Amino acid sequence: MGVSRYQKERAKYQQPTTDKPCLNCDGVKAENAHLIPWLALRRQGFPQNVINEDWNLVSLCRPCHWLYDDRKDIWVGFYLKQESVSQKREAVLEMFRLLLQQVNILAFPCDEPDDFPPHFGDIDDVDITWGEGTWLQTKIGSLHSDIGLEESQCEQAQVLWQKCLSQFKVTSSKEFQTKRKTLEQEFATKRTELLLLLDHKVKDAYAKANELAQAHLKFIELKVGALWSESIVITSFDVTTVRDGLVKVFLWHKDNFNQK
């Protein structure tokens, strides 16, 4: 996928990490966040370097930056990953293997066959499939034993899997969804608090933007069908190259109107 001119320009003026702590939570590795969105001011005709002046910047860490920009899904996902079993997949499966080994069940991580049935249980369930040996299938991957495990061994494996998850503090699917809802509510509360904290800075930024616009911004309006001059009419626009900084204006010479 190609990179648009907007993306190139945006990256060029992306603000680096600062030495200042986050204004909201005092977190380190804060970055300069825009009080007035970068794209909103670009659309109004502000130059990139003006948008990135101090009047439009505030020091926020990445999660607080997401709060301010109303990026709920990213913010919630970031904190959910702290408890997501998928982030600890290899470590969790390795611990499961070692726990099985302690009770004389030798099993090793492996890829599942293409025709293998999907795991249908919760995160704390182990699906058992017999075939060439025994498959111990979990929500995040499978272990395979060369021997056919007895029912008592399979029940033992279930207990060991739950013990493994407990040691890694992995939440169940139900608990995970509850955590998501809690984080979504927390996002709304924290964002309201952040907006209140930054309210005066945002108002000052909009006042400064208006002042700069009054002093520097000039524009012309072109209307299709209007006269460009006494002999030329504006007929249409082509903005397909706007990403390259070009807007093509089509003009029609009136002298050609009556030609057949």
Protein backbone atom coordinates (compact mmCIF):
# COMPACT_ATOMS: atom_id res chain seq x y z
CA MET A 1 0.00 0.00 0.00
CA GLY A 2 1.38 3.39 -1.02
CA VAL A 3 1.89 6.30 1.34
CA SER A 4 -0.12 9.42 0.56
CA ARG A 5 1.34 12.92 0.56
CA TYR A 6 -0.73 13.67 3.65
CA GLN A 7 0.80 10.71 5.48
CA LYS A 8 4.29 11.79 4.45
CA GLU A 9 3.69 15.34 5.63
CA ARG A 10 2.06 14.13 8.84
CA ALA A 11 5.03 11.88 9.59
CA LYS A 12 7.44 14.70 8.82
CA TYR A 13 5.85 16.90 11.47
CA GLN A 14 5.10 14.10 13.95
CA GLN A 15 6.10 15.26 17.40
CA PRO A 16 8.89 13.28 19.12
CA THR A 17 8.87 12.03 22.71
CA THR A 18 9.59 14.85 25.14
CA ASP A 19 11.53 15.02 28.40
CA LYS A 20 8.45 16.38 30.15
CA PRO A 21 6.12 14.16 32.21
CA CYS A 22 2.53 13.65 31.12
CA LEU A 23 0.40 16.60 32.22
CA ASN A 24 -2.44 14.26 33.12
CA CYS A 25 -0.84 11.33 34.94
CA ASP A 26 2.83 12.37 35.36
CA GLY A 27 3.82 9.36 33.27
CA VAL A 28 7.21 9.34 31.59
CA LYS A 29 7.85 9.12 27.85
CA ALA A 30 5.24 11.74 27.16
CA GLU A 31 4.76 13.14 23.66
CA ASN A 32 3.46 16.42 22.29
CA ALA A 33 -0.23 16.07 21.57
CA HIS A 34 -2.15 18.59 19.48
CA LEU A 35 -4.83 20.52 21.34
CA ILE A 36 -6.57 21.27 18.05
CA PRO A 37 -6.39 18.26 15.69
CA TRP A 38 -3.62 18.50 13.10
CA LEU A 39 -5.87 17.57 10.19
CA ALA A 40 -8.60 20.02 11.21
CA LEU A 41 -6.16 22.95 11.02
CA ARG A 42 -4.57 21.69 7.81
CA ARG A 43 -8.01 21.68 6.18
CA GLN A 44 -8.41 25.32 7.21
CA GLY A 45 -5.16 26.18 5.50
CA PHE A 46 -2.72 26.35 8.41
CA PRO A 47 0.91 25.48 7.54
CA GLN A 48 2.30 22.36 9.20
CA ASN A 49 4.99 24.20 11.15
CA VAL A 50 2.45 26.65 12.64
CA ILE A 51 0.21 23.80 13.80
CA ASN A 52 3.18 22.35 15.69
CA GLU A 53 4.03 25.49 17.62
CA ASP A 54 3.82 25.53 21.42
CA TRP A 55 0.38 27.17 21.53
CA ASN A 56 -1.15 23.99 20.07
CA LEU A 57 0.86 21.38 21.98
CA VAL A 58 0.44 19.68 25.33
CA SER A 59 2.59 16.97 26.92
CA LEU A 60 0.68 13.66 27.20
CA CYS A 61 1.82 10.05 27.48
CA ARG A 62 0.60 7.70 24.75
CA PRO A 63 -2.44 6.29 26.67
CA CYS A 64 -3.52 9.78 27.74
CA HIS A 65 -3.03 10.94 24.15
CA TRP A 66 -5.48 8.21 23.09
CA LEU A 67 -7.88 9.45 25.77
CA TYR A 68 -7.76 12.99 24.44
CA ASP A 69 -8.18 11.88 20.82
CA ASP A 70 -11.17 9.70 21.82
CA ARG A 71 -9.51 6.47 20.63
CA LYS A 72 -11.50 4.20 22.93
CA ASP A 73 -10.88 0.92 21.11
CA ILE A 74 -7.11 1.46 21.10
CA TRP A 75 -7.04 2.58 24.74
CA VAL A 76 -9.16 -0.34 25.95
CA GLY A 77 -7.25 -2.82 23.78
CA PHE A 78 -3.95 -1.58 25.18
CA TYR A 79 -4.95 -2.35 28.77
CA LEU A 80 -6.70 -5.59 27.86
CA LYS A 81 -3.45 -6.88 26.39
CA GLN A 82 -1.94 -6.79 29.85
CA GLU A 83 -4.26 -9.68 30.76
CA SER A 84 -4.66 -11.31 27.36
CA VAL A 85 -3.48 -14.92 27.25
CA SER A 86 -2.48 -14.47 23.61
CA GLN A 87 0.28 -12.09 24.72
CA LYS A 88 1.74 -14.85 26.91
CA ARG A 89 1.08 -17.75 24.57
CA GLU A 90 4.52 -19.38 24.42
CA ALA A 91 5.18 -18.99 28.14
CA VAL A 92 1.77 -20.36 29.09
CA LEU A 93 2.07 -23.41 26.82
CA GLU A 94 5.57 -24.10 28.10
CA MET A 95 4.41 -24.04 31.70
CA PHE A 96 1.53 -26.37 30.79
CA ARG A 97 4.03 -28.78 29.22
CA LEU A 98 6.22 -28.74 32.33
CA LEU A 99 3.26 -29.32 34.65
CA LEU A 100 2.19 -32.30 32.54
CA GLN A 101 5.73 -33.64 32.60
CA GLN A 102 5.69 -33.60 36.42
CA VAL A 103 2.87 -36.17 36.35
CA ASN A 104 4.57 -38.28 33.65
CA ILE A 105 2.53 -36.96 30.72
CA LEU A 106 4.97 -36.14 27.93
CA ALA A 107 3.44 -33.70 25.45
CA PHE A 108 4.93 -31.07 23.18
CA PRO A 109 3.66 -27.96 21.34
CA CYS A 110 2.69 -28.66 17.75
CA ASP A 111 0.71 -27.36 14.80
CA GLU A 112 -2.78 -28.75 14.46
CA PRO A 113 -3.73 -30.71 11.31
CA ASP A 114 -5.73 -28.78 8.71
CA ASP A 115 -8.82 -30.88 9.39
CA PHE A 116 -8.57 -30.47 13.16
CA PRO A 117 -11.86 -29.36 14.80
CA PRO A 118 -11.79 -25.82 16.27
CA HIS A 119 -11.50 -25.38 20.01
CA PHE A 120 -15.06 -25.00 21.29
CA GLY A 121 -14.59 -24.43 25.03
CA ASP A 122 -13.73 -21.50 27.26
CA ILE A 123 -10.18 -20.33 27.90
CA ASP A 124 -9.90 -22.59 30.94
CA ASP A 125 -10.99 -25.71 29.02
CA VAL A 126 -8.80 -28.30 27.30
CA ASP A 127 -10.33 -30.20 24.39
CA ILE A 128 -9.08 -33.79 24.16
CA THR A 129 -8.83 -35.49 20.75
CA TRP A 130 -7.52 -39.01 20.26
CA GLY A 131 -5.95 -40.16 17.02
CA GLU A 132 -2.25 -40.78 16.52
CA GLY A 133 -1.66 -40.27 20.21
CA THR A 134 -3.56 -37.54 22.09
CA TRP A 135 -4.12 -33.88 21.26
CA LEU A 136 -4.49 -31.47 24.17
CA GLN A 137 -6.07 -28.46 22.50
CA THR A 138 -6.35 -25.10 24.28
CA LYS A 139 -7.66 -21.74 23.18
CA ILE A 140 -4.15 -20.56 22.34
CA GLY A 141 -2.51 -23.69 20.95
CA SER A 142 -2.12 -27.44 21.26
CA LEU A 143 0.20 -30.00 22.82
CA HIS A 144 0.54 -33.53 21.43
CA SER A 145 1.37 -36.73 23.25
CA ASP A 146 2.52 -39.82 21.34
CA ILE A 147 0.48 -42.09 23.60
CA GLY A 148 -3.25 -42.35 24.09
CA LEU A 149 -3.97 -40.77 27.47
CA GLU A 150 -6.44 -42.41 29.81
CA GLU A 151 -9.52 -40.59 31.03
CA SER A 152 -7.99 -39.98 34.46
CA GLN A 153 -4.92 -38.42 32.83
CA CYS A 154 -7.13 -36.15 30.71
CA GLU A 155 -8.96 -35.00 33.82
CA GLN A 156 -5.58 -34.36 35.43
CA ALA A 157 -4.55 -32.29 32.40
CA GLN A 158 -7.68 -30.12 32.80
CA VAL A 159 -6.74 -29.36 36.41
CA LEU A 160 -3.13 -28.58 35.46
CA TRP A 161 -4.24 -26.24 32.67
CA GLN A 162 -6.39 -24.23 35.08
CA LYS A 163 -3.47 -24.16 37.53
CA CYS A 164 -1.26 -22.84 34.73
CA LEU A 165 -3.71 -20.05 33.88
CA SER A 166 -4.05 -19.18 37.55
CA GLN A 167 -0.29 -18.78 37.96
CA PHE A 168 -0.18 -16.48 34.93
CA LYS A 169 -3.21 -14.58 36.23
CA VAL A 170 -5.06 -15.15 32.98
CA THR A 171 -8.74 -14.25 33.09
CA SER A 172 -11.50 -16.45 31.74
CA SER A 173 -13.49 -15.37 28.68
CA LYS A 174 -16.35 -14.16 30.88
CA GLU A 175 -13.97 -12.26 33.16
CA PHE A 176 -12.25 -10.84 30.09
CA GLN A 177 -15.52 -9.42 28.75
CA THR A 178 -16.34 -8.00 32.17
CA LYS A 179 -12.92 -6.36 32.23
CA ARG A 180 -13.56 -4.88 28.79
CA LYS A 181 -16.83 -3.29 29.93
CA THR A 182 -15.13 -1.95 33.04
CA LEU A 183 -12.34 -0.42 30.96
CA GLU A 184 -14.85 1.15 28.57
CA GLN A 185 -16.56 2.82 31.52
CA GLU A 186 -13.18 3.85 32.91
CA PHE A 187 -12.25 5.35 29.54
CA ALA A 188 -15.34 7.56 29.54
CA THR A 189 -14.66 8.76 33.09
CA LYS A 190 -10.96 9.41 32.55
CA ARG A 191 -11.58 11.21 29.26
CA THR A 192 -14.11 13.52 30.89
CA GLU A 193 -11.58 14.32 33.61
CA LEU A 194 -8.83 14.94 31.04
CA LEU A 195 -11.01 17.25 28.94
CA LEU A 196 -11.87 19.22 32.06
CA LEU A 197 -8.17 19.48 32.94
CA LEU A 198 -7.28 20.73 29.46
CA ASP A 199 -10.34 22.93 28.98
CA HIS A 200 -8.54 26.24 29.49
CA LYS A 201 -5.63 25.18 27.27
CA VAL A 202 -8.01 24.12 24.49
CA LYS A 203 -9.89 27.42 24.69
CA ASP A 204 -6.60 29.33 24.55
CA ALA A 205 -5.50 27.27 21.54
CA TYR A 206 -8.71 28.00 19.63
CA ALA A 207 -8.39 31.68 20.48
CA LYS A 208 -4.80 31.68 19.21
CA ALA A 209 -5.82 29.80 16.05
CA ASN A 210 -8.53 32.36 15.37
CA GLU A 211 -6.05 35.19 15.94
CA LEU A 212 -3.54 33.66 13.53
CA ALA A 213 -6.23 32.97 10.95
CA GLN A 214 -7.43 36.58 11.05
CA ALA A 215 -3.87 37.85 10.64
CA HIS A 216 -2.52 35.43 8.04
CA LEU A 217 -5.13 33.26 6.32
CA LYS A 218 -6.31 34.39 2.91
CA PHE A 219 -8.37 32.36 0.50
CA ILE A 220 -10.35 32.53 -2.71
CA GLU A 221 -13.58 30.74 -3.53
CA LEU A 222 -14.09 29.26 -6.97
CA LYS A 223 -17.58 28.37 -8.13
CA VAL A 224 -18.31 26.10 -11.07
CA GLY A 225 -20.06 28.09 -13.78
CA ALA A 226 -18.61 31.40 -12.59
CA LEU A 227 -16.55 33.70 -14.78
CA TRP A 228 -12.80 33.54 -14.33
CA SER A 229 -12.48 36.47 -16.65
CA GLU A 230 -14.69 38.04 -19.28
CA SER A 231 -13.86 35.25 -21.70
CA ILE A 232 -13.19 32.25 -19.45
CA VAL A 233 -15.66 30.16 -17.42
CA ILE A 234 -14.76 27.77 -14.56
CA THR A 235 -16.23 24.43 -15.60
CA SER A 236 -15.01 21.88 -13.01
CA PHE A 237 -12.27 20.76 -10.64
CA ASP A 238 -10.07 17.67 -10.41
CA VAL A 239 -8.92 16.91 -6.87
CA THR A 240 -7.63 13.39 -7.50
CA THR A 241 -4.08 14.74 -7.24
CA VAL A 242 -4.67 16.72 -4.06
CA ARG A 243 -2.42 14.26 -2.20
CA ASP A 244 0.39 15.62 -4.37
CA GLY A 245 -0.53 19.17 -3.43
CA LEU A 246 -2.29 19.82 -6.76
CA VAL A 247 -5.85 20.90 -7.54
CA LYS A 248 -6.62 21.16 -11.23
CA VAL A 249 -9.14 23.86 -12.25
CA PHE A 250 -10.74 23.43 -15.67
CA LEU A 251 -11.40 26.64 -17.62
CA TRP A 252 -13.46 27.06 -20.78
CA HIS A 253 -12.85 29.89 -23.24
CA LYS A 254 -16.18 31.50 -24.07
CA ASP A 255 -15.10 32.09 -27.66
CA ASN A 256 -15.45 28.31 -28.20
CA PHE A 257 -19.04 28.07 -26.95
CA ASN A 258 -20.73 28.58 -30.27
CA GLN A 259 -18.33 26.51 -32.34
CA LYS A 260 -19.84 23.38 -33.83
